[in-house]
Structure formats: structure tokens, C-alpha cells
Amino acid sequence: MFSIPSFPGSTAEAKAAAASNSHKEAERRRRKRINGHIATLKSILPNTIKTDKASLLGEAVKRVKELNKKTAELTNGGEEEDNGVKTAGAAGMLMIPSETDELKVSRCEKTGLTKASLSCDDRAEIITEMITAVKAAEGKVVRAEMSTVGGRTKSILWVKFGGENDVGLGTLRRGLRMVMDKSTLLAGSGQGLPGNNKRARYYHL
């Protein structure tokens, strides 16, 4: 019987090639993820003229500052009045997503804003889909908060409507319910976010 001799050099080259391919694939995924975030910024930011990354990030920072200023105007010394009840500022609270899907949409008579609270399975596209639902209802987000824990996410939106509030509220409720139901459907089919994304995150705009 004859045995095929092994060549250490060939094995080392194969390992190096595999490592190189793995690095290229990781870099490809990283660029795809960044481009996805940039696309989300383009869809969220209004009246964006320059679309290069530096300009988009600068516009995002400017938009966050504007939203924080509006939040300060709507709140009083770090306190917010939610349907007539003063509570601690949301930045100092930990929003925990519920274990079951939950959607609440209500209107605050004093501020004229509509508050929408949504808890469901986390997905990469969920922010874009919520913004789309708000636009479909002809509303404008004046404040937003989001937290993600263990693959679950909770979002709270304060929305201002320019026209008939009741009509916009109903349209917004239907749109956000579709977002929530889609998260449930994709989670059941195993197309949700990967397990390594299960870490606590909190966003306050």
C-alpha cells in the first residue's frame, strides 16, 4: 500500500487562505451593516441634501439636539407629564420590554401629543418600519425612546399630528400593529436577530 505524503507547507497555506477568506467575509458583513445603518439614517432624516456618511452623521447629531430641545420644552425640569401624571424623566428610567407582545396608543389631552408604546421581538428593520407607520398616519415624531433586552425591544414614540388627530391615531395604531405582528411572525420562523445581539441597549432621542 502506498501512502500520500503530507506537505506541511500546503497545510499552512490552506489555513492562511481560510483565515483570509474569513477576514474578508467579516469585513463584508461589517460594511453591509454600516451601509444598512446609513440607509436607515437617510430614511429617517428629513430634507437630507448631502448623502455622504460624514454629512449624514452631522445631520443626525443636529437632529438629536433639536429633539432634545423639544423634549426640554415639553418636559419640566426633567419631569414629564404623561396624561396628567408627573413622572421622573425617562432618561433616568430603565425601560424593560414585556415578555409578551404589547401595543398601547393613547392621546394626551394637555400636550396634544399621541403616545405609542410597542413591545415585541427585536429586528434590524423595526425602526424604519415604525417611522414608515408614523409617516403613513401623517404624523411627526417629536420624541422617541427605545430599549432592547434579551432579543426583545420596547419603543415609545410621542407623535404630533397636523390634521384630524382621531384619524391619525387609528392609522398609527394599525400601522404599529402590523410592525408588531411582523416581528412575531419572523421570530417564529427563526429570521429574527441572531443570539449574539441579546444585550441591553437604550436609546433616548
N, C-alpha and C. Protein backbone atom coordinates (compact mmCIF):
# COMPACT_ATOMS: atom_id res chain seq x y z
N MET A 1 0.83 -1.20 0.00
CA MET A 1 0.00 0.00 0.00
C MET A 1 0.87 1.25 0.00
N PHE A 2 0.38 2.24 -0.65
CA PHE A 2 1.12 3.49 -0.73
C PHE A 2 0.38 4.56 0.05
N SER A 3 1.12 5.38 0.74
CA SER A 3 0.52 6.50 1.48
C SER A 3 0.90 7.80 0.82
N ILE A 4 -0.05 8.70 0.80
CA ILE A 4 0.21 10.00 0.17
C ILE A 4 0.93 10.89 1.17
N PRO A 5 2.09 11.35 0.81
CA PRO A 5 2.85 12.18 1.76
C PRO A 5 2.15 13.50 2.03
N SER A 6 2.28 13.98 3.23
CA SER A 6 1.69 15.28 3.60
C SER A 6 2.72 16.38 3.43
N PHE A 7 2.25 17.54 3.12
CA PHE A 7 3.13 18.68 2.89
C PHE A 7 2.76 19.78 3.87
N PRO A 8 3.57 19.97 4.91
CA PRO A 8 3.27 20.99 5.92
C PRO A 8 3.03 22.37 5.32
N GLY A 9 3.80 22.67 4.28
CA GLY A 9 3.65 23.98 3.67
C GLY A 9 2.27 24.17 3.07
N SER A 10 1.74 23.11 2.44
CA SER A 10 0.41 23.19 1.83
C SER A 10 -0.66 23.39 2.88
N THR A 11 -0.52 22.70 4.03
CA THR A 11 -1.49 22.84 5.13
C THR A 11 -1.49 24.26 5.67
N ALA A 12 -0.30 24.82 5.84
CA ALA A 12 -0.19 26.18 6.35
C ALA A 12 -0.81 27.18 5.38
N GLU A 13 -0.58 26.95 4.08
CA GLU A 13 -1.16 27.84 3.08
C GLU A 13 -2.67 27.76 3.08
N ALA A 14 -3.20 26.54 3.27
CA ALA A 14 -4.65 26.37 3.30
C ALA A 14 -5.26 27.09 4.50
N LYS A 15 -4.58 26.99 5.65
CA LYS A 15 -5.07 27.69 6.84
C LYS A 15 -5.03 29.20 6.65
N ALA A 16 -3.95 29.67 6.02
CA ALA A 16 -3.82 31.11 5.78
C ALA A 16 -4.91 31.60 4.83
N ALA A 17 -5.19 30.77 3.81
CA ALA A 17 -6.24 31.14 2.85
C ALA A 17 -7.60 31.17 3.53
N ALA A 18 -7.85 30.19 4.41
CA ALA A 18 -9.12 30.14 5.13
C ALA A 18 -9.28 31.34 6.05
N ALA A 19 -8.17 31.71 6.72
CA ALA A 19 -8.21 32.87 7.61
C ALA A 19 -8.46 34.15 6.82
N SER A 20 -7.85 34.24 5.64
CA SER A 20 -8.03 35.42 4.79
C SER A 20 -9.48 35.53 4.32
N ASN A 21 -10.05 34.38 3.92
CA ASN A 21 -11.44 34.38 3.47
C ASN A 21 -12.38 34.75 4.61
N SER A 22 -12.07 34.26 5.81
CA SER A 22 -12.90 34.57 6.98
C SER A 22 -12.86 36.07 7.28
N HIS A 23 -11.65 36.65 7.17
CA HIS A 23 -11.49 38.09 7.41
C HIS A 23 -12.26 38.90 6.36
N LYS A 24 -12.18 38.47 5.10
CA LYS A 24 -12.89 39.18 4.04
C LYS A 24 -14.40 39.12 4.26
N GLU A 25 -14.89 37.95 4.69
CA GLU A 25 -16.32 37.80 4.94
C GLU A 25 -16.78 38.66 6.10
N ALA A 26 -15.95 38.73 7.16
CA ALA A 26 -16.28 39.57 8.31
C ALA A 26 -16.31 41.04 7.91
N GLU A 27 -15.35 41.44 7.06
CA GLU A 27 -15.31 42.83 6.59
C GLU A 27 -16.52 43.13 5.71
N ARG A 28 -16.91 42.16 4.89
CA ARG A 28 -18.09 42.34 4.03
C ARG A 28 -19.35 42.54 4.88
N ARG A 29 -19.49 41.73 5.94
CA ARG A 29 -20.66 41.86 6.82
C ARG A 29 -20.65 43.20 7.55
N ARG A 30 -19.43 43.64 7.95
CA ARG A 30 -19.31 44.91 8.66
C ARG A 30 -19.75 46.07 7.76
N ARG A 31 -19.27 46.06 6.51
CA ARG A 31 -19.65 47.12 5.58
C ARG A 31 -21.14 47.10 5.27
N LYS A 32 -21.69 45.89 5.16
CA LYS A 32 -23.13 45.76 4.89
C LYS A 32 -23.94 46.31 6.06
N ARG A 33 -23.46 46.04 7.29
CA ARG A 33 -24.16 46.54 8.47
C ARG A 33 -24.11 48.07 8.53
N ILE A 34 -22.93 48.64 8.23
CA ILE A 34 -22.78 50.10 8.24
C ILE A 34 -23.66 50.73 7.18
N ASN A 35 -23.66 50.15 5.98
CA ASN A 35 -24.49 50.69 4.90
C ASN A 35 -25.97 50.61 5.26
N GLY A 36 -26.34 49.56 6.00
CA GLY A 36 -27.72 49.44 6.45
C GLY A 36 -28.09 50.55 7.41
N HIS A 37 -27.17 50.88 8.33
CA HIS A 37 -27.41 51.98 9.27
C HIS A 37 -27.50 53.32 8.53
N ILE A 38 -26.63 53.51 7.52
CA ILE A 38 -26.65 54.75 6.74
C ILE A 38 -27.98 54.88 6.00
N ALA A 39 -28.45 53.75 5.44
CA ALA A 39 -29.73 53.77 4.72
C ALA A 39 -30.87 54.13 5.67
N THR A 40 -30.79 53.63 6.91
CA THR A 40 -31.82 53.96 7.90
C THR A 40 -31.81 55.45 8.22
N LEU A 41 -30.60 56.02 8.37
CA LEU A 41 -30.49 57.46 8.63
C LEU A 41 -31.09 58.27 7.48
N LYS A 42 -30.83 57.83 6.24
CA LYS A 42 -31.37 58.55 5.08
C LYS A 42 -32.89 58.55 5.10
N SER A 43 -33.48 57.43 5.53
CA SER A 43 -34.94 57.33 5.53
C SER A 43 -35.58 58.10 6.68
N ILE A 44 -34.82 58.29 7.76
CA ILE A 44 -35.37 58.96 8.94
C ILE A 44 -35.19 60.47 8.88
N LEU A 45 -34.01 60.92 8.46
CA LEU A 45 -33.70 62.35 8.47
C LEU A 45 -34.48 63.08 7.38
N PRO A 46 -35.18 64.15 7.74
CA PRO A 46 -35.96 64.90 6.75
C PRO A 46 -35.09 65.87 5.96
N ASN A 47 -35.46 66.06 4.70
CA ASN A 47 -34.82 67.08 3.85
C ASN A 47 -33.31 66.93 3.79
N THR A 48 -32.84 65.69 3.63
CA THR A 48 -31.40 65.44 3.54
C THR A 48 -30.91 65.71 2.12
N ILE A 49 -29.99 66.68 1.98
CA ILE A 49 -29.46 67.02 0.66
C ILE A 49 -28.17 66.25 0.40
N LYS A 50 -27.21 66.38 1.32
CA LYS A 50 -25.95 65.65 1.18
C LYS A 50 -26.11 64.25 1.75
N THR A 51 -25.66 63.25 1.00
CA THR A 51 -25.86 61.86 1.41
C THR A 51 -24.57 61.13 1.77
N ASP A 52 -23.43 61.86 1.82
CA ASP A 52 -22.21 61.18 2.24
C ASP A 52 -22.28 60.91 3.74
N LYS A 53 -21.48 59.96 4.20
CA LYS A 53 -21.57 59.49 5.58
C LYS A 53 -21.31 60.60 6.59
N ALA A 54 -20.29 61.43 6.34
CA ALA A 54 -19.95 62.50 7.28
C ALA A 54 -21.11 63.49 7.42
N SER A 55 -21.73 63.86 6.29
CA SER A 55 -22.84 64.81 6.34
C SER A 55 -24.05 64.21 7.04
N LEU A 56 -24.31 62.91 6.78
CA LEU A 56 -25.45 62.24 7.42
C LEU A 56 -25.27 62.17 8.93
N LEU A 57 -24.05 61.83 9.36
CA LEU A 57 -23.80 61.76 10.80
C LEU A 57 -23.93 63.13 11.44
N GLY A 58 -23.42 64.16 10.74
CA GLY A 58 -23.55 65.52 11.26
C GLY A 58 -25.01 65.94 11.36
N GLU A 59 -25.80 65.58 10.36
CA GLU A 59 -27.23 65.91 10.37
C GLU A 59 -27.95 65.14 11.48
N ALA A 60 -27.51 63.88 11.72
CA ALA A 60 -28.11 63.08 12.79
C ALA A 60 -27.86 63.72 14.15
N VAL A 61 -26.63 64.18 14.37
CA VAL A 61 -26.29 64.85 15.63
C VAL A 61 -27.13 66.12 15.80
N LYS A 62 -27.27 66.88 14.71
CA LYS A 62 -28.07 68.11 14.75
C LYS A 62 -29.52 67.79 15.08
N ARG A 63 -30.04 66.71 14.47
CA ARG A 63 -31.44 66.32 14.69
C ARG A 63 -31.67 65.88 16.14
N VAL A 64 -30.70 65.14 16.69
CA VAL A 64 -30.82 64.71 18.08
C VAL A 64 -30.87 65.91 19.02
N LYS A 65 -30.02 66.92 18.74
CA LYS A 65 -30.01 68.13 19.57
C LYS A 65 -31.36 68.85 19.49
N GLU A 66 -31.93 68.89 18.28
CA GLU A 66 -33.23 69.54 18.11
C GLU A 66 -34.31 68.80 18.89
N LEU A 67 -34.26 67.45 18.83
CA LEU A 67 -35.25 66.65 19.56
C LEU A 67 -35.10 66.81 21.07
N ASN A 68 -33.85 66.88 21.52
CA ASN A 68 -33.61 67.10 22.95
C ASN A 68 -34.15 68.46 23.40
N LYS A 69 -34.00 69.47 22.52
CA LYS A 69 -34.52 70.80 22.84
C LYS A 69 -36.04 70.77 22.93
N LYS A 70 -36.68 70.06 22.00
CA LYS A 70 -38.14 69.95 22.02
C LYS A 70 -38.60 69.19 23.26
N THR A 71 -37.80 68.15 23.62
CA THR A 71 -38.14 67.38 24.81
C THR A 71 -38.09 68.26 26.05
N ALA A 72 -37.06 69.13 26.11
CA ALA A 72 -36.93 70.03 27.26
C ALA A 72 -38.11 70.99 27.34
N GLU A 73 -38.63 71.38 26.17
CA GLU A 73 -39.78 72.28 26.15
C GLU A 73 -41.05 71.57 26.60
N LEU A 74 -41.14 70.26 26.27
CA LEU A 74 -42.34 69.50 26.63
C LEU A 74 -42.31 69.01 28.07
N THR A 75 -41.12 68.92 28.61
CA THR A 75 -40.98 68.46 29.99
C THR A 75 -40.63 69.62 30.90
N ASN A 76 -40.69 69.41 32.18
CA ASN A 76 -40.45 70.49 33.14
C ASN A 76 -39.40 70.04 34.14
N GLY A 77 -38.18 70.54 33.94
CA GLY A 77 -37.11 70.22 34.88
C GLY A 77 -36.81 68.75 35.00
N GLY A 78 -36.83 68.03 33.87
CA GLY A 78 -36.52 66.60 33.91
C GLY A 78 -37.73 65.75 34.23
N GLU A 79 -38.90 66.38 34.42
CA GLU A 79 -40.12 65.63 34.68
C GLU A 79 -41.03 65.74 33.49
N GLU A 80 -41.74 64.68 33.20
CA GLU A 80 -42.70 64.70 32.11
C GLU A 80 -44.09 64.49 32.67
N GLU A 81 -45.05 65.00 31.98
CA GLU A 81 -46.43 64.84 32.41
C GLU A 81 -47.12 63.92 31.43
N ASP A 82 -47.32 62.69 31.81
CA ASP A 82 -47.88 61.67 30.95
C ASP A 82 -49.35 61.50 31.29
N ASN A 83 -50.23 62.04 30.42
CA ASN A 83 -51.67 62.00 30.67
C ASN A 83 -52.02 62.62 32.02
N GLY A 84 -51.32 63.72 32.35
CA GLY A 84 -51.65 64.46 33.56
C GLY A 84 -50.93 64.00 34.79
N VAL A 85 -50.09 62.96 34.70
CA VAL A 85 -49.37 62.45 35.87
C VAL A 85 -47.89 62.71 35.70
N LYS A 86 -47.29 63.43 36.65
CA LYS A 86 -45.87 63.73 36.56
C LYS A 86 -45.06 62.52 36.98
N THR A 87 -44.05 62.21 36.17
CA THR A 87 -43.18 61.07 36.46
C THR A 87 -41.75 61.51 36.26
N ALA A 88 -40.80 60.71 36.73
CA ALA A 88 -39.38 61.03 36.55
C ALA A 88 -39.04 61.00 35.08
N GLY A 89 -38.05 61.79 34.69
CA GLY A 89 -37.62 61.82 33.30
C GLY A 89 -37.25 60.43 32.82
N ALA A 90 -37.59 60.13 31.56
CA ALA A 90 -37.39 58.78 31.04
C ALA A 90 -35.92 58.42 30.95
N ALA A 91 -35.03 59.42 30.82
CA ALA A 91 -33.60 59.12 30.71
C ALA A 91 -33.09 58.45 31.97
N GLY A 92 -33.76 58.67 33.11
CA GLY A 92 -33.32 58.06 34.35
C GLY A 92 -34.03 56.77 34.66
N MET A 93 -34.88 56.32 33.75
CA MET A 93 -35.64 55.10 33.97
C MET A 93 -35.13 54.01 33.04
N LEU A 94 -35.21 52.77 33.48
CA LEU A 94 -34.84 51.64 32.64
C LEU A 94 -36.10 51.06 32.03
N MET A 95 -36.23 51.17 30.73
CA MET A 95 -37.40 50.62 30.07
C MET A 95 -37.17 49.14 29.81
N ILE A 96 -37.99 48.30 30.37
CA ILE A 96 -37.87 46.86 30.20
C ILE A 96 -38.97 46.37 29.27
N PRO A 97 -38.61 45.75 28.14
CA PRO A 97 -39.63 45.22 27.24
C PRO A 97 -40.43 44.11 27.92
N SER A 98 -41.72 44.06 27.66
CA SER A 98 -42.55 43.00 28.23
C SER A 98 -42.25 41.68 27.52
N GLU A 99 -42.52 40.56 28.19
CA GLU A 99 -42.26 39.25 27.60
C GLU A 99 -43.28 38.90 26.53
N THR A 100 -44.43 39.53 26.57
CA THR A 100 -45.46 39.31 25.56
C THR A 100 -45.59 40.56 24.69
N ASP A 101 -46.00 40.37 23.44
CA ASP A 101 -46.18 41.50 22.53
C ASP A 101 -47.25 42.43 23.08
N GLU A 102 -46.98 43.72 23.02
CA GLU A 102 -47.88 44.70 23.62
C GLU A 102 -47.85 46.00 22.84
N LEU A 103 -49.02 46.55 22.56
CA LEU A 103 -49.13 47.83 21.86
C LEU A 103 -50.15 48.71 22.57
N LYS A 104 -49.73 49.92 22.93
CA LYS A 104 -50.63 50.89 23.56
C LYS A 104 -50.50 52.22 22.83
N VAL A 105 -51.62 52.76 22.41
CA VAL A 105 -51.64 54.06 21.75
C VAL A 105 -52.67 54.94 22.44
N SER A 106 -52.24 56.07 22.97
CA SER A 106 -53.16 56.95 23.69
C SER A 106 -52.81 58.41 23.41
N ARG A 107 -53.77 59.28 23.65
CA ARG A 107 -53.57 60.70 23.40
C ARG A 107 -53.55 61.48 24.71
N CYS A 108 -52.60 62.39 24.82
CA CYS A 108 -52.52 63.26 25.99
C CYS A 108 -53.24 64.57 25.66
N GLU A 109 -54.35 64.81 26.32
CA GLU A 109 -55.17 65.98 26.02
C GLU A 109 -54.42 67.28 26.29
N LYS A 110 -53.58 67.29 27.31
CA LYS A 110 -52.90 68.53 27.70
C LYS A 110 -51.86 68.97 26.67
N THR A 111 -51.05 68.01 26.20
CA THR A 111 -49.98 68.35 25.25
C THR A 111 -50.43 68.24 23.80
N GLY A 112 -51.52 67.49 23.56
CA GLY A 112 -51.97 67.27 22.20
C GLY A 112 -51.17 66.22 21.46
N LEU A 113 -50.25 65.56 22.15
CA LEU A 113 -49.42 64.54 21.54
C LEU A 113 -50.05 63.16 21.71
N THR A 114 -49.70 62.26 20.81
CA THR A 114 -50.12 60.86 20.90
C THR A 114 -48.93 60.02 21.33
N LYS A 115 -49.11 59.21 22.36
CA LYS A 115 -48.04 58.36 22.86
C LYS A 115 -48.30 56.92 22.42
N ALA A 116 -47.31 56.33 21.76
CA ALA A 116 -47.41 54.94 21.30
C ALA A 116 -46.30 54.13 21.95
N SER A 117 -46.69 53.04 22.62
CA SER A 117 -45.73 52.15 23.28
C SER A 117 -45.84 50.77 22.65
N LEU A 118 -44.69 50.24 22.21
CA LEU A 118 -44.68 48.97 21.49
C LEU A 118 -43.60 48.05 22.06
N SER A 119 -43.98 46.81 22.41
CA SER A 119 -43.03 45.79 22.86
C SER A 119 -43.18 44.57 21.96
N CYS A 120 -42.04 44.10 21.41
CA CYS A 120 -42.08 42.93 20.54
C CYS A 120 -40.66 42.40 20.37
N ASP A 121 -40.49 41.37 19.54
CA ASP A 121 -39.16 40.84 19.26
C ASP A 121 -38.37 41.84 18.44
N ASP A 122 -37.07 41.94 18.72
CA ASP A 122 -36.21 42.91 18.06
C ASP A 122 -35.88 42.48 16.64
N ARG A 123 -35.82 43.44 15.72
CA ARG A 123 -35.41 43.22 14.34
C ARG A 123 -34.61 44.43 13.87
N ALA A 124 -33.73 44.21 12.89
CA ALA A 124 -32.89 45.29 12.40
C ALA A 124 -33.71 46.38 11.71
N GLU A 125 -34.85 46.01 11.09
CA GLU A 125 -35.63 46.97 10.31
C GLU A 125 -36.72 47.65 11.11
N ILE A 126 -36.84 47.34 12.40
CA ILE A 126 -38.02 47.79 13.15
C ILE A 126 -38.12 49.31 13.26
N ILE A 127 -36.98 50.00 13.39
CA ILE A 127 -37.01 51.46 13.50
C ILE A 127 -37.56 52.08 12.21
N THR A 128 -37.04 51.62 11.08
CA THR A 128 -37.51 52.13 9.79
C THR A 128 -39.00 51.87 9.60
N GLU A 129 -39.45 50.68 10.01
CA GLU A 129 -40.87 50.34 9.84
C GLU A 129 -41.76 51.19 10.73
N MET A 130 -41.31 51.51 11.94
CA MET A 130 -42.10 52.37 12.82
C MET A 130 -42.20 53.78 12.25
N ILE A 131 -41.08 54.29 11.72
CA ILE A 131 -41.09 55.62 11.11
C ILE A 131 -42.04 55.65 9.91
N THR A 132 -42.03 54.56 9.13
CA THR A 132 -42.94 54.46 7.98
C THR A 132 -44.39 54.49 8.44
N ALA A 133 -44.69 53.80 9.55
CA ALA A 133 -46.05 53.78 10.09
C ALA A 133 -46.48 55.18 10.53
N VAL A 134 -45.56 55.92 11.13
CA VAL A 134 -45.86 57.28 11.58
C VAL A 134 -46.13 58.19 10.37
N LYS A 135 -45.29 58.07 9.34
CA LYS A 135 -45.47 58.90 8.15
C LYS A 135 -46.79 58.56 7.45
N ALA A 136 -47.15 57.27 7.43
CA ALA A 136 -48.41 56.86 6.80
C ALA A 136 -49.61 57.46 7.52
N ALA A 137 -49.45 57.70 8.82
CA ALA A 137 -50.52 58.32 9.61
C ALA A 137 -50.45 59.84 9.57
N GLU A 138 -49.51 60.36 8.75
CA GLU A 138 -49.30 61.80 8.61
C GLU A 138 -48.95 62.45 9.95
N GLY A 139 -48.12 61.74 10.71
CA GLY A 139 -47.65 62.26 11.99
C GLY A 139 -46.17 62.58 11.95
N LYS A 140 -45.68 63.20 13.02
CA LYS A 140 -44.27 63.56 13.13
C LYS A 140 -43.79 63.20 14.53
N VAL A 141 -42.69 62.44 14.59
CA VAL A 141 -42.14 62.03 15.88
C VAL A 141 -41.40 63.22 16.51
N VAL A 142 -41.81 63.61 17.70
CA VAL A 142 -41.14 64.70 18.40
C VAL A 142 -40.25 64.17 19.52
N ARG A 143 -40.43 62.91 19.86
CA ARG A 143 -39.60 62.30 20.88
C ARG A 143 -39.68 60.79 20.74
N ALA A 144 -38.57 60.09 20.99
CA ALA A 144 -38.57 58.64 20.86
C ALA A 144 -37.60 58.02 21.85
N GLU A 145 -37.99 56.88 22.40
CA GLU A 145 -37.13 56.12 23.30
C GLU A 145 -37.22 54.65 22.92
N MET A 146 -36.09 53.95 23.04
CA MET A 146 -36.08 52.53 22.70
C MET A 146 -35.09 51.80 23.58
N SER A 147 -35.46 50.61 24.05
CA SER A 147 -34.54 49.76 24.79
C SER A 147 -34.66 48.34 24.27
N THR A 148 -33.56 47.61 24.31
CA THR A 148 -33.55 46.22 23.85
C THR A 148 -32.86 45.36 24.89
N VAL A 149 -33.54 44.31 25.32
CA VAL A 149 -33.01 43.39 26.33
C VAL A 149 -33.37 41.96 25.92
N GLY A 150 -32.35 41.10 25.82
CA GLY A 150 -32.60 39.69 25.56
C GLY A 150 -33.37 39.41 24.29
N GLY A 151 -33.12 40.17 23.23
CA GLY A 151 -33.81 39.94 21.97
C GLY A 151 -35.19 40.55 21.89
N ARG A 152 -35.64 41.20 22.98
CA ARG A 152 -36.93 41.90 22.99
C ARG A 152 -36.68 43.40 22.98
N THR A 153 -37.56 44.15 22.37
CA THR A 153 -37.39 45.60 22.29
C THR A 153 -38.67 46.32 22.72
N LYS A 154 -38.49 47.48 23.33
CA LYS A 154 -39.61 48.33 23.70
C LYS A 154 -39.36 49.72 23.14
N SER A 155 -40.34 50.25 22.46
CA SER A 155 -40.22 51.58 21.87
C SER A 155 -41.38 52.45 22.33
N ILE A 156 -41.07 53.70 22.64
CA ILE A 156 -42.10 54.68 22.99
C ILE A 156 -41.93 55.88 22.07
N LEU A 157 -42.98 56.22 21.36
CA LEU A 157 -42.97 57.36 20.45
C LEU A 157 -43.98 58.40 20.90
N TRP A 158 -43.58 59.66 20.87
CA TRP A 158 -44.50 60.77 21.07
C TRP A 158 -44.71 61.40 19.70
N VAL A 159 -45.94 61.34 19.20
CA VAL A 159 -46.24 61.75 17.83
C VAL A 159 -47.17 62.95 17.80
N LYS A 160 -46.86 63.88 16.91
CA LYS A 160 -47.71 65.06 16.72
C LYS A 160 -48.39 64.97 15.37
N PHE A 161 -49.72 65.15 15.37
CA PHE A 161 -50.48 65.12 14.13
C PHE A 161 -50.90 66.54 13.75
N GLY A 162 -50.86 66.81 12.44
CA GLY A 162 -51.23 68.13 11.98
C GLY A 162 -52.69 68.26 11.63
N GLY A 163 -53.34 67.11 11.27
CA GLY A 163 -54.73 67.15 10.87
C GLY A 163 -55.66 66.59 11.93
N GLU A 164 -56.59 65.73 11.47
CA GLU A 164 -57.54 65.10 12.38
C GLU A 164 -56.82 64.10 13.27
N ASN A 165 -56.75 64.39 14.56
CA ASN A 165 -56.00 63.55 15.49
C ASN A 165 -56.57 62.15 15.59
N ASP A 166 -57.90 62.03 15.61
CA ASP A 166 -58.54 60.73 15.76
C ASP A 166 -58.24 59.82 14.57
N VAL A 167 -58.26 60.40 13.37
CA VAL A 167 -57.97 59.63 12.17
C VAL A 167 -56.53 59.16 12.18
N GLY A 168 -55.60 60.07 12.50
CA GLY A 168 -54.19 59.71 12.54
C GLY A 168 -53.90 58.68 13.60
N LEU A 169 -54.56 58.79 14.75
CA LEU A 169 -54.34 57.84 15.84
C LEU A 169 -54.71 56.43 15.43
N GLY A 170 -55.86 56.29 14.76
CA GLY A 170 -56.29 54.97 14.31
C GLY A 170 -55.35 54.38 13.27
N THR A 171 -54.91 55.22 12.32
CA THR A 171 -53.99 54.76 11.29
C THR A 171 -52.66 54.35 11.90
N LEU A 172 -52.19 55.12 12.87
CA LEU A 172 -50.93 54.80 13.55
C LEU A 172 -51.05 53.49 14.30
N ARG A 173 -52.16 53.27 14.98
CA ARG A 173 -52.35 52.03 15.73
C ARG A 173 -52.32 50.81 14.79
N ARG A 174 -52.98 50.92 13.65
CA ARG A 174 -52.98 49.81 12.70
C ARG A 174 -51.59 49.57 12.13
N GLY A 175 -50.87 50.65 11.82
CA GLY A 175 -49.53 50.50 11.26
C GLY A 175 -48.55 49.87 12.23
N LEU A 176 -48.59 50.30 13.49
CA LEU A 176 -47.69 49.73 14.50
C LEU A 176 -48.06 48.29 14.83
N ARG A 177 -49.35 47.96 14.75
CA ARG A 177 -49.75 46.57 14.99
C ARG A 177 -49.17 45.66 13.90
N MET A 178 -49.12 46.15 12.68
CA MET A 178 -48.52 45.38 11.59
C MET A 178 -47.03 45.17 11.86
N VAL A 179 -46.35 46.19 12.38
CA VAL A 179 -44.93 46.06 12.73
C VAL A 179 -44.75 45.00 13.81
N MET A 180 -45.61 45.04 14.83
CA MET A 180 -45.53 44.08 15.93
C MET A 180 -45.82 42.66 15.44
N ASP A 181 -46.85 42.50 14.62
CA ASP A 181 -47.21 41.18 14.12
C ASP A 181 -46.12 40.61 13.23
N LYS A 182 -45.45 41.47 12.45
CA LYS A 182 -44.36 41.01 11.59
C LYS A 182 -43.20 40.49 12.42
N SER A 183 -42.90 41.17 13.53
CA SER A 183 -41.82 40.72 14.42
C SER A 183 -42.13 39.34 14.97
N THR A 184 -43.40 39.12 15.36
CA THR A 184 -43.80 37.83 15.89
C THR A 184 -43.68 36.75 14.83
N LEU A 185 -44.11 37.06 13.61
CA LEU A 185 -44.06 36.09 12.51
C LEU A 185 -42.63 35.69 12.18
N LEU A 186 -41.74 36.68 12.07
CA LEU A 186 -40.34 36.40 11.73
C LEU A 186 -39.63 35.66 12.85
N ALA A 187 -39.97 35.99 14.10
CA ALA A 187 -39.36 35.29 15.24
C ALA A 187 -39.75 33.82 15.23
N GLY A 188 -41.00 33.54 14.86
CA GLY A 188 -41.46 32.16 14.80
C GLY A 188 -40.81 31.37 13.70
N SER A 189 -40.38 32.06 12.62
CA SER A 189 -39.73 31.38 11.50
C SER A 189 -38.22 31.34 11.64
N GLY A 190 -37.71 31.89 12.77
CA GLY A 190 -36.27 31.87 13.02
C GLY A 190 -35.50 32.91 12.26
N GLN A 191 -36.16 33.96 11.77
CA GLN A 191 -35.49 35.01 11.00
C GLN A 191 -35.25 36.27 11.80
N GLY A 192 -35.34 36.18 13.13
CA GLY A 192 -35.09 37.34 13.98
C GLY A 192 -33.61 37.63 14.07
N LEU A 193 -33.25 38.53 14.96
CA LEU A 193 -31.84 38.87 15.13
C LEU A 193 -31.09 37.70 15.75
N PRO A 194 -29.80 37.50 15.41
CA PRO A 194 -29.02 36.41 15.99
C PRO A 194 -28.84 36.55 17.47
N GLY A 195 -28.51 35.43 18.13
CA GLY A 195 -28.39 35.41 19.58
C GLY A 195 -27.33 36.33 20.13
N ASN A 196 -26.28 36.63 19.35
CA ASN A 196 -25.22 37.48 19.89
C ASN A 196 -25.66 38.94 20.01
N ASN A 197 -26.90 39.23 19.59
CA ASN A 197 -27.41 40.59 19.73
C ASN A 197 -28.17 40.78 21.04
N LYS A 198 -28.24 39.73 21.86
CA LYS A 198 -29.04 39.79 23.07
C LYS A 198 -28.28 40.48 24.19
N ARG A 199 -28.19 41.79 24.10
CA ARG A 199 -27.57 42.58 25.14
C ARG A 199 -28.43 43.81 25.37
N ALA A 200 -28.31 44.38 26.54
CA ALA A 200 -29.17 45.52 26.88
C ALA A 200 -28.73 46.76 26.12
N ARG A 201 -29.68 47.46 25.53
CA ARG A 201 -29.40 48.72 24.84
C ARG A 201 -30.51 49.71 25.19
N TYR A 202 -30.17 50.98 25.19
CA TYR A 202 -31.17 52.01 25.49
C TYR A 202 -30.91 53.22 24.63
N TYR A 203 -31.95 53.72 23.98
CA TYR A 203 -31.83 54.88 23.12
C TYR A 203 -32.81 55.93 23.59
N HIS A 204 -32.38 57.18 23.59
CA HIS A 204 -33.24 58.28 24.01
C HIS A 204 -32.99 59.45 23.09
N LEU A 205 -33.95 59.80 22.24
CA LEU A 205 -33.81 60.89 21.28
C LEU A 205 -34.74 62.03 21.65
